[in-house]
Amino acid sequence: MIRTWSAVAARVSRSMRGPSAPVTYTLITLCCLVFLLGPASGLGPAYGTGDELLAAQRAYFRRWGVVPADLFEGSARAALTPATALFVHGSWVHLLGNMLFLYVFGAMTEERMGRVQFTLFYLGCGYLALLGYAAANADSQQSLVGASGAISAVLGALLFLFPDARVTSLLPFLFFLPVRFPAWIVLPFWAALQWLAAGQASQGPGVAYLAHLLGFGLGFCFAWARFGRTTRVKAPEAPAPEGENQP
């Protein structure tokens, strides 16, 4: 009996620790540090306050973010901005929302892909998502920042790799009660909302829904191309404790 309860305790401990995801946690840490040290957080006294702070933020976003009108001029510095923009966020809400999604969905995807492959996947899909958005809005002077394209790629990959994974959702028409649905229901629904929002988006600053869609599609296609022919291994069920096998 003691040995049985020890095995149960070990399984509970492993489930509480969750998957090992050093790359995911490193990305979250880097994004948080960049935000806290930059003018967008409003915490750095060196950037001033009021109009001075707003001017510093605009200059910061233009330097490190994607400006579609500048990207295709052939400048080497501008060509790097789809990569640097992945670590820059415009506000506390923008940062926390993205990091929450990355924390929830990144670990499982990283564990399935492996650290090196996940790193290249995240950066590559994020870069291409922002590049695609810039190509579709080539005349725009607005700066685009954020990891949304890369995180959307993680969602797309997770949909292919773990379609039956349970995702907790908060639905407004159910008074925001947490409800758990399979990923194959939640994530396509999320993508459909992005599609509808992208069709209604106006020119000017706002949410880059097109980058979300591009990232989601890139992530799903990468997972399909890379893992589509591999055999999916189903984890064996843990043995039942003593007494549960009895009729």
Foldseek 3Di string as FASTA:
>chain_A
DVVLVVVVVVVVVDVVVDFDDPLLVVLLVLLVVVAVPALLAVPDCVQPDDPSSVVRLQVVLLQQFAFLQPLPPPDPSNVCNLQSLASYDRHPVQSVVLSVLSVVQVRVLCVVQDPVRLVCQLRVQSSVLVVVLSVVVNNGRDTHHHSLLSSLLSLLQCCQQFQQDWDWFQDVVVVGDTDIDGSVPPSVVVLVVLVVVCVVDDDDDDDSSSSSNSSNVSSNVVNCVPPVPPDRDDDDDDDDGPPPPDD
